[in-house]
Amino acid sequence: MRILRSLLGAVLLLASTATVAFVSADRLAHLAPAPMVRAAQGEPSATGSIPAPAKAAPAPKPAMPGIPNGFDTERLHALMRGDPILPGR
């Protein structure tokens, strides 16, 4: 009877080891394929498939502000007094 217990333990150990080995081998055999690497293509305007974009016209210069230093103390004082905001002209 003692030999049967030892034999059963050995069979269970062998079966579990074989199961782990077969599952590992199957997973390694069915790994996802490496992604396909496409060759880099040139810029379409460089290859001539589309025309190069036209150069944009230079932007017009912004108009000069009415206050040369950018700070209007007179308007600030009027706002602090509570006067309504009215255009200066």
PDB file of N, CA and C in Angstrom:
ATOM      1  N   MET A   1       0.821  -1.183   0.000  1.00  0.00           N
ATOM      2  CA  MET A   1       0.000   0.000   0.000  1.00  0.00           C
ATOM      3  C   MET A   1       0.871   1.255   0.000  1.00  0.00           C
ATOM      4  N   ARG A   2       2.017   1.198   0.704  1.00  0.00           N
ATOM      5  CA  ARG A   2       2.900   2.363   0.734  1.00  0.00           C
ATOM      6  C   ARG A   2       3.455   2.644  -0.646  1.00  0.00           C
ATOM      7  N   ILE A   3       3.716   1.632  -1.406  1.00  0.00           N
ATOM      8  CA  ILE A   3       4.284   1.826  -2.737  1.00  0.00           C
ATOM      9  C   ILE A   3       3.268   2.465  -3.670  1.00  0.00           C
ATOM     10  N   LEU A   4       1.987   2.136  -3.488  1.00  0.00           N
ATOM     11  CA  LEU A   4       0.953   2.730  -4.343  1.00  0.00           C
ATOM     12  C   LEU A   4       0.820   4.232  -4.085  1.00  0.00           C
ATOM     13  N   ARG A   5       0.941   4.632  -2.829  1.00  0.00           N
ATOM     14  CA  ARG A   5       0.868   6.049  -2.499  1.00  0.00           C
ATOM     15  C   ARG A   5       2.044   6.809  -3.136  1.00  0.00           C
ATOM     16  N   SER A   6       3.215   6.263  -3.044  1.00  0.00           N
ATOM     17  CA  SER A   6       4.394   6.896  -3.652  1.00  0.00           C
ATOM     18  C   SER A   6       4.277   6.917  -5.174  1.00  0.00           C
ATOM     19  N   LEU A   7       3.772   5.815  -5.729  1.00  0.00           N
ATOM     20  CA  LEU A   7       3.600   5.740  -7.183  1.00  0.00           C
ATOM     21  C   LEU A   7       2.561   6.762  -7.648  1.00  0.00           C
ATOM     22  N   LEU A   8       1.463   6.914  -6.913  1.00  0.00           N
ATOM     23  CA  LEU A   8       0.423   7.889  -7.264  1.00  0.00           C
ATOM     24  C   LEU A   8       0.981   9.313  -7.177  1.00  0.00           C
ATOM     25  N   GLY A   9       1.772   9.623  -6.167  1.00  0.00           N
ATOM     26  CA  GLY A   9       2.390  10.945  -6.048  1.00  0.00           C
ATOM     27  C   GLY A   9       3.339  11.236  -7.198  1.00  0.00           C
ATOM     28  N   ALA A  10       4.112  10.256  -7.597  1.00  0.00           N
ATOM     29  CA  ALA A  10       5.039  10.424  -8.716  1.00  0.00           C
ATOM     30  C   ALA A  10       4.289  10.639 -10.026  1.00  0.00           C
ATOM     31  N   VAL A  11       3.187   9.910 -10.223  1.00  0.00           N
ATOM     32  CA  VAL A  11       2.384  10.069 -11.444  1.00  0.00           C
ATOM     33  C   VAL A  11       1.757  11.458 -11.482  1.00  0.00           C
ATOM     34  N   LEU A  12       1.242  11.927 -10.346  1.00  0.00           N
ATOM     35  CA  LEU A  12       0.648  13.267 -10.314  1.00  0.00           C
ATOM     36  C   LEU A  12       1.694  14.347 -10.581  1.00  0.00           C
ATOM     37  N   LEU A  13       2.878  14.190 -10.007  1.00  0.00           N
ATOM     38  CA  LEU A  13       3.953  15.149 -10.242  1.00  0.00           C
ATOM     39  C   LEU A  13       4.378  15.143 -11.708  1.00  0.00           C
ATOM     40  N   LEU A  14       4.496  13.976 -12.305  1.00  0.00           N
ATOM     41  CA  LEU A  14       4.874  13.867 -13.717  1.00  0.00           C
ATOM     42  C   LEU A  14       3.796  14.464 -14.619  1.00  0.00           C
ATOM     43  N   ALA A  15       2.517  14.219 -14.297  1.00  0.00           N
ATOM     44  CA  ALA A  15       1.414  14.736 -15.116  1.00  0.00           C
ATOM     45  C   ALA A  15       1.362  16.268 -15.042  1.00  0.00           C
ATOM     46  N   SER A  16       1.533  16.825 -13.862  1.00  0.00           N
ATOM     47  CA  SER A  16       1.475  18.284 -13.743  1.00  0.00           C
ATOM     48  C   SER A  16       2.674  18.938 -14.429  1.00  0.00           C
ATOM     49  N   THR A  17       3.846  18.328 -14.311  1.00  0.00           N
ATOM     50  CA  THR A  17       5.029  18.870 -14.988  1.00  0.00           C
ATOM     51  C   THR A  17       4.867  18.794 -16.504  1.00  0.00           C
ATOM     52  N   ALA A  18       4.317  17.693 -17.001  1.00  0.00           N
ATOM     53  CA  ALA A  18       4.100  17.546 -18.443  1.00  0.00           C
ATOM     54  C   ALA A  18       3.072  18.566 -18.936  1.00  0.00           C
ATOM     55  N   THR A  19       2.022  18.806 -18.125  1.00  0.00           N
ATOM     56  CA  THR A  19       1.003  19.779 -18.521  1.00  0.00           C
ATOM     57  C   THR A  19       1.611  21.171 -18.638  1.00  0.00           C
ATOM     58  N   VAL A  20       2.404  21.566 -17.659  1.00  0.00           N
ATOM     59  CA  VAL A  20       3.041  22.888 -17.697  1.00  0.00           C
ATOM     60  C   VAL A  20       3.985  22.976 -18.890  1.00  0.00           C
ATOM     61  N   ALA A  21       4.726  21.944 -19.171  1.00  0.00           N
ATOM     62  CA  ALA A  21       5.667  21.952 -20.295  1.00  0.00           C
ATOM     63  C   ALA A  21       4.936  22.070 -21.631  1.00  0.00           C
ATOM     64  N   PHE A  22       3.845  21.291 -21.803  1.00  0.00           N
ATOM     65  CA  PHE A  22       3.114  21.349 -23.063  1.00  0.00           C
ATOM     66  C   PHE A  22       2.419  22.695 -23.265  1.00  0.00           C
ATOM     67  N   VAL A  23       1.840  23.245 -22.213  1.00  0.00           N
ATOM     68  CA  VAL A  23       1.183  24.554 -22.330  1.00  0.00           C
ATOM     69  C   VAL A  23       2.215  25.634 -22.657  1.00  0.00           C
ATOM     70  N   SER A  24       3.371  25.597 -22.022  1.00  0.00           N
ATOM     71  CA  SER A  24       4.419  26.580 -22.308  1.00  0.00           C
ATOM     72  C   SER A  24       4.908  26.458 -23.739  1.00  0.00           C
ATOM     73  N   ALA A  25       5.094  25.238 -24.212  1.00  0.00           N
ATOM     74  CA  ALA A  25       5.550  25.028 -25.585  1.00  0.00           C
ATOM     75  C   ALA A  25       4.513  25.514 -26.587  1.00  0.00           C
ATOM     76  N   ASP A  26       3.235  25.281 -26.283  1.00  0.00           N
ATOM     77  CA  ASP A  26       2.179  25.732 -27.183  1.00  0.00           C
ATOM     78  C   ASP A  26       2.115  27.250 -27.242  1.00  0.00           C
ATOM     79  N   ARG A  27       2.241  27.895 -26.102  1.00  0.00           N
ATOM     80  CA  ARG A  27       2.213  29.370 -26.101  1.00  0.00           C
ATOM     81  C   ARG A  27       3.412  29.948 -26.825  1.00  0.00           C
ATOM     82  N   LEU A  28       4.570  29.355 -26.653  1.00  0.00           N
ATOM     83  CA  LEU A  28       5.756  29.849 -27.352  1.00  0.00           C
ATOM     84  C   LEU A  28       5.646  29.630 -28.854  1.00  0.00           C
ATOM     85  N   ALA A  29       4.968  28.548 -29.261  1.00  0.00           N
ATOM     86  CA  ALA A  29       4.817  28.271 -30.689  1.00  0.00           C
ATOM     87  C   ALA A  29       3.822  29.217 -31.354  1.00  0.00           C
ATOM     88  N   HIS A  30       2.900  29.778 -30.574  1.00  0.00           N
ATOM     89  CA  HIS A  30       1.861  30.640 -31.149  1.00  0.00           C
ATOM     90  C   HIS A  30       2.008  32.090 -30.703  1.00  0.00           C
ATOM     91  N   LEU A  31       3.211  32.560 -30.617  1.00  0.00           N
ATOM     92  CA  LEU A  31       3.427  33.969 -30.286  1.00  0.00           C
ATOM     93  C   LEU A  31       2.920  34.839 -31.416  1.00  0.00           C
ATOM     94  N   ALA A  32       2.548  36.060 -31.092  1.00  0.00           N
ATOM     95  CA  ALA A  32       2.089  36.999 -32.115  1.00  0.00           C
ATOM     96  C   ALA A  32       3.246  37.300 -33.066  1.00  0.00           C
ATOM     97  N   PRO A  33       2.959  37.372 -34.363  1.00  0.00           N
ATOM     98  CA  PRO A  33       4.036  37.675 -35.301  1.00  0.00           C
ATOM     99  C   PRO A  33       4.558  39.097 -35.099  1.00  0.00           C
ATOM    100  N   ALA A  34       5.791  39.287 -35.445  1.00  0.00           N
ATOM    101  CA  ALA A  34       6.385  40.622 -35.320  1.00  0.00           C
ATOM    102  C   ALA A  34       5.659  41.582 -36.255  1.00  0.00           C
ATOM    103  N   PRO A  35       5.453  42.809 -35.832  1.00  0.00           N
ATOM    104  CA  PRO A  35       4.752  43.765 -36.705  1.00  0.00           C
ATOM    105  C   PRO A  35       5.583  44.064 -37.946  1.00  0.00           C
ATOM    106  N   MET A  36       4.874  44.228 -39.043  1.00  0.00           N
ATOM    107  CA  MET A  36       5.541  44.538 -40.310  1.00  0.00           C
ATOM    108  C   MET A  36       6.030  45.983 -40.264  1.00  0.00           C
ATOM    109  N   VAL A  37       7.268  46.190 -40.611  1.00  0.00           N
ATOM    110  CA  VAL A  37       7.840  47.525 -40.627  1.00  0.00           C
ATOM    111  C   VAL A  37       7.832  48.020 -42.061  1.00  0.00           C
ATOM    112  N   ARG A  38       7.104  49.118 -42.258  1.00  0.00           N
ATOM    113  CA  ARG A  38       7.022  49.682 -43.605  1.00  0.00           C
ATOM    114  C   ARG A  38       8.180  50.636 -43.829  1.00  0.00           C
ATOM    115  N   ALA A  39       8.639  50.676 -45.052  1.00  0.00           N
ATOM    116  CA  ALA A  39       9.708  51.604 -45.400  1.00  0.00           C
ATOM    117  C   ALA A  39       9.173  53.027 -45.318  1.00  0.00           C
ATOM    118  N   ALA A  40       9.985  53.929 -44.811  1.00  0.00           N
ATOM    119  CA  ALA A  40       9.568  55.329 -44.684  1.00  0.00           C
ATOM    120  C   ALA A  40       9.437  55.943 -46.069  1.00  0.00           C
ATOM    121  N   GLN A  41       8.348  56.653 -46.268  1.00  0.00           N
ATOM    122  CA  GLN A  41       8.123  57.320 -47.538  1.00  0.00           C
ATOM    123  C   GLN A  41       8.462  58.789 -47.392  1.00  0.00           C
ATOM    124  N   GLY A  42       8.912  59.355 -48.466  1.00  0.00           N
ATOM    125  CA  GLY A  42       9.277  60.764 -48.458  1.00  0.00           C
ATOM    126  C   GLY A  42       8.063  61.662 -48.404  1.00  0.00           C
ATOM    127  N   GLU A  43       8.319  62.915 -48.153  1.00  0.00           N
ATOM    128  CA  GLU A  43       7.282  63.940 -48.145  1.00  0.00           C
ATOM    129  C   GLU A  43       6.633  63.970 -49.531  1.00  0.00           C
ATOM    130  N   PRO A  44       5.277  64.017 -49.608  1.00  0.00           N
ATOM    131  CA  PRO A  44       4.636  64.010 -50.927  1.00  0.00           C
ATOM    132  C   PRO A  44       5.088  65.159 -51.826  1.00  0.00           C
ATOM    133  N   SER A  45       5.356  66.331 -51.249  1.00  0.00           N
ATOM    134  CA  SER A  45       5.800  67.434 -52.101  1.00  0.00           C
ATOM    135  C   SER A  45       7.210  67.186 -52.607  1.00  0.00           C
ATOM    136  N   ALA A  46       8.025  66.391 -51.871  1.00  0.00           N
ATOM    137  CA  ALA A  46       9.388  66.091 -52.327  1.00  0.00           C
ATOM    138  C   ALA A  46       9.384  65.047 -53.422  1.00  0.00           C
ATOM    139  N   THR A  47       8.406  64.136 -53.402  1.00  0.00           N
ATOM    140  CA  THR A  47       8.358  63.099 -54.429  1.00  0.00           C
ATOM    141  C   THR A  47       7.642  63.569 -55.681  1.00  0.00           C
ATOM    142  N   GLY A  48       6.942  64.689 -55.612  1.00  0.00           N
ATOM    143  CA  GLY A  48       6.262  65.222 -56.782  1.00  0.00           C
ATOM    144  C   GLY A  48       4.843  64.720 -56.930  1.00  0.00           C
ATOM    145  N   SER A  49       4.325  63.968 -55.954  1.00  0.00           N
ATOM    146  CA  SER A  49       2.962  63.468 -56.083  1.00  0.00           C
ATOM    147  C   SER A  49       1.934  64.566 -55.845  1.00  0.00           C
ATOM    148  N   ILE A  50       2.273  65.579 -55.062  1.00  0.00           N
ATOM    149  CA  ILE A  50       1.410  66.742 -54.913  1.00  0.00           C
ATOM    150  C   ILE A  50       2.299  67.974 -55.027  1.00  0.00           C
ATOM    151  N   PRO A  51       1.737  69.070 -55.489  1.00  0.00           N
ATOM    152  CA  PRO A  51       2.579  70.269 -55.617  1.00  0.00           C
ATOM    153  C   PRO A  51       2.928  70.839 -54.241  1.00  0.00           C
ATOM    154  N   ALA A  52       4.065  71.491 -54.195  1.00  0.00           N
ATOM    155  CA  ALA A  52       4.496  72.130 -52.949  1.00  0.00           C
ATOM    156  C   ALA A  52       3.557  73.289 -52.642  1.00  0.00           C
ATOM    157  N   PRO A  53       3.263  73.538 -51.373  1.00  0.00           N
ATOM    158  CA  PRO A  53       2.367  74.651 -51.043  1.00  0.00           C
ATOM    159  C   PRO A  53       3.018  75.989 -51.393  1.00  0.00           C
ATOM    160  N   ALA A  54       2.176  76.911 -51.828  1.00  0.00           N
ATOM    161  CA  ALA A  54       2.665  78.240 -52.171  1.00  0.00           C
ATOM    162  C   ALA A  54       3.054  78.971 -50.898  1.00  0.00           C
ATOM    163  N   LYS A  55       4.051  79.809 -50.992  1.00  0.00           N
ATOM    164  CA  LYS A  55       4.482  80.565 -49.821  1.00  0.00           C
ATOM    165  C   LYS A  55       3.430  81.611 -49.481  1.00  0.00           C
ATOM    166  N   ALA A  56       3.123  81.706 -48.216  1.00  0.00           N
ATOM    167  CA  ALA A  56       2.113  82.650 -47.759  1.00  0.00           C
ATOM    168  C   ALA A  56       2.668  84.073 -47.816  1.00  0.00           C
ATOM    169  N   ALA A  57       1.769  85.006 -48.085  1.00  0.00           N
ATOM    170  CA  ALA A  57       2.161  86.409 -48.108  1.00  0.00           C
ATOM    171  C   ALA A  57       2.489  86.848 -46.686  1.00  0.00           C
ATOM    172  N   PRO A  58       3.436  87.747 -46.536  1.00  0.00           N
ATOM    173  CA  PRO A  58       3.758  88.200 -45.176  1.00  0.00           C
ATOM    174  C   PRO A  58       2.555  88.889 -44.540  1.00  0.00           C
ATOM    175  N   ALA A  59       2.397  88.666 -43.263  1.00  0.00           N
ATOM    176  CA  ALA A  59       1.264  89.248 -42.542  1.00  0.00           C
ATOM    177  C   ALA A  59       1.458  90.755 -42.420  1.00  0.00           C
ATOM    178  N   PRO A  60       0.364  91.507 -42.517  1.00  0.00           N
ATOM    179  CA  PRO A  60       0.495  92.964 -42.364  1.00  0.00           C
ATOM    180  C   PRO A  60       0.898  93.306 -40.938  1.00  0.00           C
ATOM    181  N   LYS A  61       1.635  94.382 -40.800  1.00  0.00           N
ATOM    182  CA  LYS A  61       2.074  94.818 -39.475  1.00  0.00           C
ATOM    183  C   LYS A  61       0.879  95.336 -38.685  1.00  0.00           C
ATOM    184  N   PRO A  62       0.809  95.030 -37.399  1.00  0.00           N
ATOM    185  CA  PRO A  62      -0.322  95.521 -36.608  1.00  0.00           C
ATOM    186  C   PRO A  62      -0.257  97.044 -36.475  1.00  0.00           C
ATOM    187  N   ALA A  63      -1.440  97.636 -36.340  1.00  0.00           N
ATOM    188  CA  ALA A  63      -1.528  99.084 -36.212  1.00  0.00           C
ATOM    189  C   ALA A  63      -0.908  99.511 -34.880  1.00  0.00           C
ATOM    190  N   MET A  64      -0.336 100.671 -34.867  1.00  0.00           N
ATOM    191  CA  MET A  64       0.271 101.199 -33.648  1.00  0.00           C
ATOM    192  C   MET A  64      -0.836 101.543 -32.648  1.00  0.00           C
ATOM    193  N   PRO A  65      -0.672 101.197 -31.393  1.00  0.00           N
ATOM    194  CA  PRO A  65      -1.702 101.539 -30.411  1.00  0.00           C
ATOM    195  C   PRO A  65      -1.749 103.048 -30.186  1.00  0.00           C
ATOM    196  N   GLY A  66      -2.892 103.505 -29.683  1.00  0.00           N
ATOM    197  CA  GLY A  66      -3.066 104.931 -29.439  1.00  0.00           C
ATOM    198  C   GLY A  66      -2.156 105.438 -28.329  1.00  0.00           C
ATOM    199  N   ILE A  67      -1.750 104.554 -27.448  1.00  0.00           N
ATOM    200  CA  ILE A  67      -0.880 104.940 -26.339  1.00  0.00           C
ATOM    201  C   ILE A  67       0.489 104.331 -26.608  1.00  0.00           C
ATOM    202  N   PRO A  68       1.503 105.149 -26.765  1.00  0.00           N
ATOM    203  CA  PRO A  68       2.797 104.590 -27.154  1.00  0.00           C
ATOM    204  C   PRO A  68       3.430 103.679 -26.105  1.00  0.00           C
ATOM    205  N   ASN A  69       3.250 103.945 -24.816  1.00  0.00           N
ATOM    206  CA  ASN A  69       3.904 103.106 -23.822  1.00  0.00           C
ATOM    207  C   ASN A  69       3.025 101.956 -23.357  1.00  0.00           C
ATOM    208  N   GLY A  70       1.773 101.860 -23.821  1.00  0.00           N
ATOM    209  CA  GLY A  70       0.898 100.759 -23.487  1.00  0.00           C
ATOM    210  C   GLY A  70       0.170 100.902 -22.163  1.00  0.00           C
ATOM    211  N   PHE A  71       0.279 102.028 -21.469  1.00  0.00           N
ATOM    212  CA  PHE A  71      -0.383 102.176 -20.181  1.00  0.00           C
ATOM    213  C   PHE A  71      -1.154 103.489 -20.181  1.00  0.00           C
ATOM    214  N   ASP A  72      -2.442 103.429 -19.910  1.00  0.00           N
ATOM    215  CA  ASP A  72      -3.309 104.589 -19.954  1.00  0.00           C
ATOM    216  C   ASP A  72      -3.687 104.957 -18.525  1.00  0.00           C
ATOM    217  N   THR A  73      -2.923 105.875 -17.928  1.00  0.00           N
ATOM    218  CA  THR A  73      -3.203 106.247 -16.538  1.00  0.00           C
ATOM    219  C   THR A  73      -4.494 107.039 -16.418  1.00  0.00           C
ATOM    220  N   GLU A  74      -4.787 107.846 -17.422  1.00  0.00           N
ATOM    221  CA  GLU A  74      -6.005 108.663 -17.361  1.00  0.00           C
ATOM    222  C   GLU A  74      -7.245 107.768 -17.346  1.00  0.00           C
ATOM    223  N   ARG A  75      -7.251 106.751 -18.175  1.00  0.00           N
ATOM    224  CA  ARG A  75      -8.395 105.842 -18.215  1.00  0.00           C
ATOM    225  C   ARG A  75      -8.457 105.014 -16.928  1.00  0.00           C
ATOM    226  N   LEU A  76      -7.295 104.644 -16.391  1.00  0.00           N
ATOM    227  CA  LEU A  76      -7.272 103.893 -15.145  1.00  0.00           C
ATOM    228  C   LEU A  76      -7.882 104.711 -14.006  1.00  0.00           C
ATOM    229  N   HIS A  77      -7.519 105.979 -13.934  1.00  0.00           N
ATOM    230  CA  HIS A  77      -8.086 106.834 -12.884  1.00  0.00           C
ATOM    231  C   HIS A  77      -9.593 106.986 -13.073  1.00  0.00           C
ATOM    232  N   ALA A  78     -10.047 107.095 -14.320  1.00  0.00           N
ATOM    233  CA  ALA A  78     -11.480 107.215 -14.573  1.00  0.00           C
ATOM    234  C   ALA A  78     -12.208 105.949 -14.139  1.00  0.00           C
ATOM    235  N   LEU A  79     -11.614 104.778 -14.398  1.00  0.00           N
ATOM    236  CA  LEU A  79     -12.236 103.525 -13.969  1.00  0.00           C
ATOM    237  C   LEU A  79     -12.285 103.423 -12.452  1.00  0.00           C
ATOM    238  N   MET A  80     -11.236 103.889 -11.782  1.00  0.00           N
ATOM    239  CA  MET A  80     -11.206 103.827 -10.328  1.00  0.00           C
ATOM    240  C   MET A  80     -12.242 104.773  -9.708  1.00  0.00           C
ATOM    241  N   ARG A  81     -12.519 105.893 -10.374  1.00  0.00           N
ATOM    242  CA  ARG A  81     -13.539 106.815  -9.883  1.00  0.00           C
ATOM    243  C   ARG A  81     -14.939 106.295 -10.155  1.00  0.00           C
ATOM    244  N   GLY A  82     -15.062 105.322 -11.070  1.00  0.00           N
ATOM    245  CA  GLY A  82     -16.384 104.766 -11.406  1.00  0.00           C
ATOM    246  C   GLY A  82     -16.989 105.402 -12.629  1.00  0.00           C
ATOM    247  N   ASP A  83     -16.243 106.194 -13.358  1.00  0.00           N
ATOM    248  CA  ASP A  83     -16.762 106.792 -14.589  1.00  0.00           C
ATOM    249  C   ASP A  83     -16.992 105.673 -15.612  1.00  0.00           C
ATOM    250  N   PRO A  84     -18.006 105.850 -16.463  1.00  0.00           N
ATOM    251  CA  PRO A  84     -18.254 104.803 -17.496  1.00  0.00           C
ATOM    252  C   PRO A  84     -17.110 104.802 -18.513  1.00  0.00           C
ATOM    253  N   ILE A  85     -16.917 103.646 -19.114  1.00  0.00           N
ATOM    254  CA  ILE A  85     -15.865 103.492 -20.128  1.00  0.00           C
ATOM    255  C   ILE A  85     -16.408 104.009 -21.441  1.00  0.00           C
ATOM    256  N   LEU A  86     -15.874 105.106 -21.896  1.00  0.00           N
ATOM    257  CA  LEU A  86     -16.271 105.703 -23.168  1.00  0.00           C
ATOM    258  C   LEU A  86     -15.041 105.845 -24.025  1.00  0.00           C
ATOM    259  N   PRO A  87     -15.206 105.743 -25.330  1.00  0.00           N
ATOM    260  CA  PRO A  87     -14.033 105.933 -26.198  1.00  0.00           C
ATOM    261  C   PRO A  87     -13.496 107.360 -26.048  1.00  0.00           C
ATOM    262  N   GLY A  88     -12.217 107.500 -26.214  1.00  0.00           N
ATOM    263  CA  GLY A  88     -11.567 108.789 -26.028  1.00  0.00           C
ATOM    264  C   GLY A  88     -11.859 109.791 -27.126  1.00  0.00           C
ATOM    265  N   ARG A  89     -12.414 109.362 -28.206  1.00  0.00           N
ATOM    266  CA  ARG A  89     -12.639 110.280 -29.334  1.00  0.00           C
ATOM    267  C   ARG A  89     -13.997 110.873 -29.334  1.00  0.00           C
TER     268      ARG A  89
END
